[in-house]
Amino acid sequence: MPDIYKVFISAGESSGDIHGANLMSCMMNKNPRIQFYGLGKNRMKQAGLHCLHDMSTKSLMWLHVLTELTTFFKMKKDCIRFFQQERPGLVILIDYCGFNFHLARAAKKLKIPVVYYVCPQLWAHGPWRVKKLKKIVDKLIVIYPFEKPLYEAAAIPVTYVGHPLFDEIYKHGVDEGRVLELKKTGEPVVAFLPGSRRQEIVRLLPLFLRAAELIHQALPATQFLISCSDEHYLPLIQNIAREATIPCKIIHGNVHEIIKASSLCIAGAGTITLQIAYYLKPMIILYKISPIAYFIARPFLTTLYIGLVNAIARKNVVPELLMLRKNYRWLSHEAVQLLRNSQKRQACIDELTSLIGEIGRPGASEHAAEEILKLIERA
């Protein structure tokens, strides 16, 4: 290996930025000669990324906005120019398939090896794209156990390393004082986690709050917490919460403390369900979609489950619903059942305990770093 080994890395979303930063740290700890260049946010920059474009102001959504096409093409052009002029020894792509697929194609044309870490969820939608993925990557590093056989069947080199989310949890731990403070609001405590994107909040939070009114009627002592993961959306959440007829406490940050303090979590589908599962909290998972959007998307949906917890377990460990209409009565009924029925509640906790015993170990970032370093050494 030369004195300086250049690696290009690209992550577009906040979760990818966290996982990318942890991966970079693990790789540089094992080999200080590696230097990282590419696309990322604050965490990756703090880990030592030489940033070509700061992704803090960008998200997947802007790829669909015509006014941002100029930004999209400039980023793509700058990355390709970097490939051509600097000839990095490796390209690492993290999720963010809309843009990263373009980078993978460009790297492959220049015969630069490509590793995809935290693969797009092709198992849930678009399995036909596996063939396309095979043409543009040299190695997949996957974080869900059921992904490995999917890609092995397509003859793509793949390694399962576990979910890097658990590295973050182990690293930062929980502020137990804050947990006790939140628990003082009363029992039971229901936590609403509507997501980290505007669309998710707008679709889910009003539905959660309507259900909360019915939960409150059945269990008047219930207290409600609303998680705000991004300060940018705090005014939006406050405006929606003003329409509620019952008091709800909005908490910015402290998501782990909110989960641990709760008796029940109600959340959108996504990685947050694994965080909730880690703390063995009963939950209800919702995904809201319009009937028209569902009609269009239905032929492309290949998974039986919308929640990661259920998808990994391959059964309904927790209640979930892909909701076409505002069925807040179903949501309130399931919530009251999990709060009142101790047998149903304990069965849910037992299933989560078994699941987390299988997947909830730290070390994914270390394992991913080892796999990538092996690839570099062979190259």
Foldseek 3Di string as FASTA:
>chain_A
DDQAAEEEEEDQDPVLQQLLLLLLLLLCVVPVRYAYEYEHEDSNVVSHYNYPDHNPVPDLVCVPPPVCVVVLVVRLVSLLVCCVPVVHQEYEYEESCVNVLSVLVSCVVVVRAYEYEAYYPCLFFPLVCLLVVQVRHQEYEHAAPVVVVSNVVVVHHYHYQHDQVLVVCVVPPADVVLLVVVLVLFPAEEEEEQDADPVSCVQPVLLVLVLVVVLCVVPVRYAYEYEHADPVCVVVNVVSQVPHPDDYHYDYDNLLSSLLNHQEYEYEADPVVVSNLLSLHAYEYEAEDAPVVCVVRVVGGNAPDRHPLCRSVVHPLHHYDHHRDSPSVVVNVSVNCCRPPVVNVVSSSVSSVVSCVVRNDHDSSNVVSVVVVVVSVVD
